[in-house]
Protein backbone atom coordinates (compact mmCIF):
# COMPACT_ATOMS: atom_id res chain seq x y z
CA MET A 1 5.74 -25.60 69.16
CA SER A 2 5.31 -26.98 72.61
CA GLY A 3 6.69 -27.36 76.09
CA ARG A 4 9.09 -27.57 74.36
CA ALA A 5 6.34 -28.12 71.84
CA ALA A 6 5.39 -25.85 69.07
CA PRO A 7 2.29 -23.91 69.43
CA GLY A 8 -0.71 -23.75 67.13
CA THR A 9 -0.37 -27.02 65.37
CA LEU A 10 1.50 -28.91 68.08
CA ARG A 11 -0.67 -31.93 68.42
CA ARG A 12 -2.35 -34.25 66.03
CA LYS A 13 -4.90 -32.41 63.92
CA SER A 14 -8.37 -33.74 63.67
CA GLN A 15 -9.25 -35.35 60.35
CA LEU A 16 -12.71 -33.82 60.66
CA PRO A 17 -13.28 -30.14 59.67
CA ILE A 18 -14.44 -27.90 62.48
CA TRP A 19 -18.02 -27.53 61.28
CA LEU A 20 -18.45 -31.22 61.06
CA SER A 21 -16.84 -31.80 64.40
CA ILE A 22 -19.27 -29.18 65.94
CA GLY A 23 -22.08 -30.69 63.88
CA TRP A 24 -21.76 -34.23 65.33
CA ARG A 25 -21.60 -32.85 68.83
CA VAL A 26 -24.74 -30.89 68.33
CA THR A 27 -26.55 -33.91 66.75
CA ALA A 28 -25.48 -36.23 69.85
CA VAL A 29 -27.04 -33.57 72.15
CA LEU A 30 -30.22 -33.34 70.18
CA GLY A 31 -30.41 -37.12 69.86
CA LEU A 32 -30.11 -37.55 73.71
CA LEU A 33 -32.70 -34.89 74.19
CA ALA A 34 -35.07 -36.67 71.64
CA VAL A 35 -34.76 -39.86 73.69
CA ALA A 36 -35.50 -38.15 76.96
CA ILE A 37 -38.55 -36.32 75.57
CA GLY A 38 -39.86 -39.49 73.85
CA VAL A 39 -39.57 -41.55 77.10
CA HIS A 40 -41.11 -38.73 79.20
CA TRP A 41 -44.10 -38.45 76.71
CA LEU A 42 -44.61 -42.15 76.80
CA ASP A 43 -44.57 -41.97 80.63
CA ARG A 44 -46.31 -38.67 81.02
CA GLU A 45 -48.73 -40.22 83.50
CA GLY A 46 -45.77 -40.26 85.93
CA LEU A 47 -45.42 -36.43 85.81
CA ARG A 48 -47.55 -33.83 87.68
CA ASP A 49 -47.95 -30.20 86.54
CA ASN A 50 -48.62 -28.13 89.53
CA TYR A 51 -49.87 -25.22 87.46
CA ASP A 52 -52.88 -26.73 85.55
CA GLY A 53 -52.71 -30.42 86.31
CA GLU A 54 -52.29 -31.41 82.68
CA ILE A 55 -49.21 -32.68 80.87
CA SER A 56 -49.11 -31.55 77.23
CA PHE A 57 -46.27 -32.23 74.63
CA VAL A 58 -44.94 -28.90 75.27
CA ASP A 59 -44.84 -29.51 79.13
CA VAL A 60 -42.76 -32.76 78.37
CA VAL A 61 -40.28 -30.75 76.24
CA TYR A 62 -40.16 -28.11 78.72
CA PHE A 63 -39.56 -30.64 81.77
CA THR A 64 -36.99 -32.49 79.80
CA PHE A 65 -35.07 -29.25 79.08
CA ILE A 66 -35.07 -27.97 82.51
CA SER A 67 -34.11 -31.38 83.84
CA ILE A 68 -31.23 -31.79 81.54
CA THR A 69 -30.02 -28.27 82.35
CA THR A 70 -30.46 -28.90 86.06
CA THR A 71 -32.63 -25.72 86.30
CA GLY A 72 -35.59 -27.59 88.20
CA TYR A 73 -38.28 -24.93 88.92
CA GLY A 74 -40.40 -27.56 90.53
CA ASP A 75 -43.59 -26.72 88.63
CA ILE A 76 -43.47 -30.03 86.93
CA ALA A 77 -42.09 -33.05 88.80
CA PRO A 78 -41.92 -36.83 88.52
CA VAL A 79 -44.37 -38.52 91.06
CA THR A 80 -44.42 -42.21 90.13
CA GLU A 81 -41.37 -44.58 90.88
CA ARG A 82 -40.98 -45.40 87.33
CA ALA A 83 -40.70 -41.65 86.44
CA ARG A 84 -38.31 -40.94 89.19
CA LEU A 85 -36.18 -44.00 88.33
CA PHE A 86 -36.00 -42.85 84.65
CA ASP A 87 -34.82 -39.55 85.95
CA ALA A 88 -32.33 -40.90 88.28
CA LEU A 89 -30.92 -43.56 85.98
CA ILE A 90 -31.24 -42.09 82.61
CA VAL A 91 -31.69 -38.45 82.60
CA THR A 92 -28.83 -37.88 85.05
CA PRO A 93 -26.32 -39.70 83.02
CA ILE A 94 -27.57 -37.74 79.99
CA ARG A 95 -27.40 -34.51 81.85
CA VAL A 96 -23.61 -35.23 82.78
CA PHE A 97 -22.82 -36.37 79.29
CA VAL A 98 -24.32 -33.33 77.77
CA VAL A 99 -22.58 -30.95 80.23
CA LEU A 100 -19.29 -32.65 79.54
CA LEU A 101 -19.81 -32.47 75.80
CA PHE A 102 -20.43 -28.76 75.97
CA ILE A 103 -17.39 -28.34 78.29
CA GLY A 104 -15.33 -30.34 75.84
CA THR A 105 -16.50 -28.30 72.79
CA THR A 106 -15.66 -24.92 74.66
CA TYR A 107 -12.26 -26.30 75.58
CA ASP A 108 -11.56 -27.43 71.96
CA PHE A 109 -12.72 -24.45 70.19
CA VAL A 110 -12.16 -21.55 72.61
CA LEU A 111 -9.95 -22.34 75.50
CA LYS A 112 -7.49 -24.68 73.85
CA ARG A 113 -6.99 -22.38 70.93
CA THR A 114 -6.49 -19.44 73.08
CA TRP A 115 -3.93 -21.24 75.21
CA GLU A 116 -2.05 -22.44 72.17
CA LYS A 117 -1.83 -18.99 70.78
CA TRP A 118 -0.55 -17.64 74.03
CA ARG A 119 1.99 -20.34 74.27
CA MET A 120 3.05 -19.87 70.75
CA ALA A 121 3.68 -16.19 71.25
CA ARG A 122 5.62 -16.89 74.42
CA ILE A 123 7.87 -19.32 72.80
CA GLN A 124 8.26 -17.10 69.68
CA ARG A 125 9.64 -14.40 71.86
CA GLU A 126 12.40 -16.76 73.20
CA LEU A 127 13.32 -17.78 69.56
CA THR A 128 16.56 -16.26 68.49
CA GLY A 129 19.75 -18.00 67.40
CA HIS A 130 17.92 -21.17 67.06
CA ILE A 131 18.37 -23.98 64.39
CA VAL A 132 15.47 -24.92 62.24
CA VAL A 133 15.06 -28.51 61.12
CA ALA A 134 12.67 -28.93 58.28
CA GLY A 135 11.81 -32.58 57.98
CA PHE A 136 12.26 -35.15 60.70
CA GLY A 137 12.72 -38.31 58.74
CA GLN A 138 15.78 -40.62 59.19
CA THR A 139 18.22 -37.84 58.04
CA GLY A 140 16.64 -35.09 60.00
CA SER A 141 16.45 -37.03 63.18
CA GLU A 142 20.02 -38.10 62.95
CA ALA A 143 21.13 -34.46 62.41
CA VAL A 144 19.20 -33.49 65.58
CA ASP A 145 20.85 -36.34 67.51
CA GLU A 146 24.22 -35.24 66.32
CA LEU A 147 23.56 -31.63 67.18
CA ILE A 148 22.58 -32.64 70.76
CA ALA A 149 25.43 -35.02 71.01
CA ARG A 150 27.71 -31.94 70.19
CA GLY A 151 26.44 -30.00 73.05
CA ARG A 152 23.60 -28.04 71.28
CA ASP A 153 20.56 -27.41 73.87
CA ALA A 154 17.68 -29.28 72.42
CA ALA A 155 15.44 -26.38 73.38
CA THR A 156 17.15 -24.20 70.73
CA ILE A 157 16.36 -26.61 68.00
CA VAL A 158 12.88 -26.22 66.29
CA VAL A 159 11.64 -29.14 64.23
CA VAL A 160 8.82 -28.68 61.61
CA ASP A 161 7.29 -31.77 60.03
CA GLY A 162 3.91 -32.73 58.63
CA SER A 163 3.90 -36.08 60.69
CA ALA A 164 2.67 -35.87 64.34
CA GLU A 165 4.22 -39.23 65.03
CA ARG A 166 7.71 -38.04 63.89
CA LEU A 167 7.35 -34.82 65.80
CA ALA A 168 6.47 -36.62 68.96
CA VAL A 169 9.84 -38.22 68.84
CA ALA A 170 11.53 -34.70 68.42
CA GLU A 171 9.47 -33.35 71.34
CA ALA A 172 10.69 -36.26 73.49
CA LEU A 173 14.25 -35.06 72.90
CA GLY A 174 13.22 -31.67 74.27
CA CYS A 175 13.07 -29.82 70.83
CA ALA A 176 10.55 -27.27 70.01
CA ILE A 177 8.11 -28.54 67.33
CA MET A 178 5.63 -27.50 64.86
CA LEU A 179 3.16 -29.49 62.71
CA GLY A 180 3.05 -27.69 59.39
CA ASP A 181 4.31 -27.26 55.86
CA ALA A 182 7.88 -25.69 55.73
CA THR A 183 7.30 -24.57 52.04
CA ARG A 184 4.68 -22.01 53.19
CA ASP A 185 5.82 -18.45 54.13
CA ARG A 186 3.49 -18.30 57.18
CA THR A 187 5.00 -21.52 58.66
CA LEU A 188 8.62 -20.24 58.38
CA LEU A 189 7.74 -16.80 59.70
CA ASP A 190 5.84 -18.49 62.77
CA LEU A 191 9.20 -20.15 63.42
CA ARG A 192 11.01 -16.73 63.25
CA ILE A 193 13.30 -18.00 60.42
CA ALA A 194 14.88 -14.65 59.99
CA ASP A 195 16.21 -14.87 63.52
CA ALA A 196 17.48 -18.48 63.42
CA CYS A 197 21.11 -19.16 63.00
CA SER A 198 20.86 -22.04 60.67
CA LEU A 199 18.30 -24.07 58.62
CA ILE A 200 18.63 -27.83 58.03
CA VAL A 201 16.40 -29.07 55.16
CA ALA A 202 15.70 -32.76 54.95
CA ALA A 203 12.36 -33.06 53.52
CA GLY A 204 12.79 -36.37 52.06
CA ARG A 205 12.09 -35.27 48.55
CA ASP A 206 14.49 -33.24 46.61
CA ASP A 207 11.70 -30.97 45.01
CA THR A 208 10.26 -30.19 48.37
CA SER A 209 13.58 -29.69 49.79
CA ILE A 210 14.52 -27.22 47.09
CA LEU A 211 11.08 -25.40 47.62
CA ILE A 212 11.71 -24.99 51.21
CA THR A 213 15.26 -23.70 50.62
CA LEU A 214 13.86 -21.15 48.10
CA THR A 215 11.07 -20.01 50.50
CA ALA A 216 13.50 -19.68 53.41
CA ARG A 217 16.00 -17.80 51.29
CA HIS A 218 13.71 -14.90 50.38
CA LEU A 219 12.52 -14.73 53.84
CA ALA A 220 16.13 -14.67 55.37
CA PRO A 221 18.78 -13.61 52.79
CA GLU A 222 21.68 -14.19 55.00
CA LEU A 223 20.61 -17.48 56.69
CA PRO A 224 22.96 -20.56 56.39
CA ILE A 225 21.03 -23.27 54.75
CA SER A 226 22.05 -26.91 54.52
CA VAL A 227 20.06 -29.03 52.39
CA ILE A 228 20.32 -32.75 51.50
CA VAL A 229 19.55 -34.04 48.04
CA LYS A 230 19.44 -37.57 46.65
CA ALA A 231 19.87 -36.99 43.01
CA GLU A 232 23.29 -35.45 41.87
CA ASP A 233 21.54 -33.36 39.14
CA ASN A 234 19.50 -31.66 41.86
CA GLU A 235 22.59 -30.19 43.65
CA LEU A 236 22.76 -27.18 41.23
CA PRO A 237 19.08 -26.37 41.52
CA ALA A 238 19.53 -26.53 45.42
CA ARG A 239 22.42 -24.20 45.21
CA ALA A 240 20.49 -21.84 42.83
CA ALA A 241 17.61 -21.81 45.26
CA GLY A 242 19.91 -20.46 48.01
CA ALA A 243 21.46 -23.32 49.75
CA THR A 244 24.71 -22.51 51.41
CA THR A 245 25.62 -26.18 51.80
CA VAL A 246 24.35 -29.00 49.64
CA ILE A 247 24.85 -32.66 50.79
CA ASN A 248 24.39 -35.63 48.47
CA PRO A 249 24.57 -38.77 50.72
CA VAL A 250 25.02 -41.09 47.80
CA SER A 251 28.07 -39.01 46.53
CA PHE A 252 29.55 -39.23 50.14
CA ALA A 253 29.06 -42.89 50.30
CA GLY A 254 30.84 -43.20 47.00
CA LEU A 255 33.75 -41.31 48.26
CA LEU A 256 34.08 -43.55 51.30
CA LEU A 257 33.80 -46.68 49.21
CA ALA A 258 36.39 -45.35 46.76
CA SER A 259 38.63 -44.23 49.59
CA SER A 260 38.37 -47.73 51.14
CA CYS A 261 39.96 -49.25 47.91
CA SER A 262 43.22 -47.41 48.53
CA GLY A 263 43.44 -48.11 52.07
CA SER A 264 40.95 -49.26 54.88
CA HIS A 265 42.18 -46.53 57.30
CA VAL A 266 41.30 -43.61 55.11
CA ALA A 267 37.58 -44.26 55.07
CA ASP A 268 37.68 -44.90 58.93
CA TYR A 269 39.35 -41.51 59.47
CA MET A 270 36.78 -39.72 57.40
CA MET A 271 33.94 -41.30 59.40
CA ASP A 272 35.76 -40.09 62.49
CA LEU A 273 35.83 -36.64 61.10
CA ALA A 274 32.19 -36.73 60.36
CA SER A 275 30.79 -38.06 63.52
CA PHE A 276 30.75 -36.79 67.00
CA ASP A 277 31.61 -40.15 68.34
CA GLY A 278 34.81 -40.23 66.35
CA ARG A 279 38.24 -39.48 68.00
CA VAL A 280 38.76 -36.45 65.91
CA GLN A 281 36.39 -33.69 64.48
CA LEU A 282 36.22 -30.99 62.03
CA ALA A 283 35.65 -27.57 63.46
CA GLU A 284 35.08 -24.19 61.96
CA ARG A 285 35.74 -20.87 63.59
CA ALA A 286 36.78 -17.32 62.92
CA ALA A 287 40.56 -16.51 63.10
CA ARG A 288 41.54 -14.99 66.40
CA PRO A 289 43.41 -11.66 66.74
CA GLU A 290 46.58 -13.40 68.00
CA GLU A 291 46.67 -15.69 65.00
CA VAL A 292 46.74 -12.89 62.52
CA GLY A 293 49.82 -12.89 60.62
CA LYS A 294 50.75 -16.48 61.36
CA PRO A 295 50.64 -19.40 58.86
CA LEU A 296 47.65 -21.72 59.08
CA THR A 297 49.94 -24.51 60.02
CA ALA A 298 51.01 -22.70 63.15
CA ILE A 299 47.61 -22.60 64.95
CA GLU A 300 47.62 -24.23 68.26
CA THR A 301 44.00 -25.28 68.82
CA GLY A 302 44.07 -27.94 66.21
CA LEU A 303 45.31 -29.00 62.60
CA GLY A 304 44.45 -26.23 60.20
CA VAL A 305 43.58 -27.82 56.91
CA ARG A 306 41.73 -24.79 55.28
CA LEU A 307 40.74 -21.24 55.48
CA TYR A 308 38.19 -19.25 53.90
CA ARG A 309 38.93 -15.61 52.75
CA GLY A 310 36.08 -13.69 51.17
CA GLY A 311 34.25 -16.92 50.69
CA VAL A 312 36.96 -18.51 48.67
CA PRO A 313 38.63 -21.61 50.17
CA HIS A 314 42.45 -21.92 50.33
CA GLY A 315 44.17 -25.15 51.47
CA PHE A 316 47.00 -25.15 53.99
CA PHE A 317 49.39 -25.64 51.07
CA ASP A 318 48.18 -22.44 49.21
CA ALA A 319 50.20 -19.20 49.36
CA GLU A 320 47.17 -17.46 50.87
CA ALA A 321 47.47 -19.86 53.91
CA ARG A 322 50.91 -18.61 54.88
CA ALA A 323 49.54 -15.69 56.69
CA ILE A 324 46.19 -15.59 58.35
CA GLU A 325 44.23 -12.30 57.91
CA ALA A 326 41.56 -10.84 60.12
CA GLY A 327 38.14 -11.97 59.03
CA ASP A 328 39.49 -15.43 57.81
CA VAL A 329 37.36 -18.45 58.74
CA ILE A 330 39.41 -21.54 59.74
CA VAL A 331 38.48 -25.13 59.22
CA GLU A 332 40.57 -27.41 61.56
CA ILE A 333 40.83 -30.93 62.88
CA ILE A 334 40.55 -30.94 66.69
CA ARG A 335 40.65 -33.85 69.16
CA ARG A 336 37.42 -34.75 70.79
CA PRO A 337 37.79 -34.15 74.62
CA GLY A 338 38.71 -37.28 76.50
CA THR A 339 40.16 -39.01 73.54
CA SER A 340 43.51 -39.28 71.74
CA ALA A 341 43.90 -38.75 67.93
């Protein structure tokens, strides 16, 4: 996650293992030292040893190391113009490069990791009541766009995906992000899945989405989980894995197409209900105290179409909808502010 980005695995991960990354840096430093030692040895006549007057190979190695590290005791010094030019034009750039290489290594493997761990802990402390989006492909990105359009603060949306490129788009929207595998317990625990208010699963593959759902469900037994599946026969396994809502875009498209055959306005109205840009919206809320005892059709905030009592749906035409009870959940059609239905 990070600024609004997720910590730990926020940026693109190097394709090289750590040992190999350190290895090539050490090799580069040794190679540069070898070049400097070789040239100093070939031009050893240009050096003066103030201790015994002789320049041995050990003296050359010693002089090269203290020159590269800017120690400079002065016991051995370049005296000819050629030796001084070599030190000025070749050894000095090598010295700068070696210092930068060591600083970069220290930053990559010590400072950067410490900073990211601190930043991760800080963001995790603020994570509560957030929405986790597992998968930021076309469907996941559209879901995030819709959430933001409906007024959700992007900072309270956490996106986890295995693609750094897709996460960069989510980060640009203001979301917290994490580069990782949402099927793993550790990843979801780092996202504080138990403290989230909802999980949207759009992994792109039904089997992966179902595994993410299963993993999240055992970590957060009460978490509302919405998952998208492409194959109709995967809807039941998704529900068995613990999904609260299972959406099949193919089936929904089929419903729209079938509805359009009985009238062009039916499909148009259904699209209005499903989209933030529509003139009307479907909304879900808990029944208010002043509504208890009234019929569903009498609510004043919108057009009541369904209520849920004990998890069981009842339409406005059912007997149960003739009197709202405390604890009922109402689904209503409301007008989007600034428009007319």
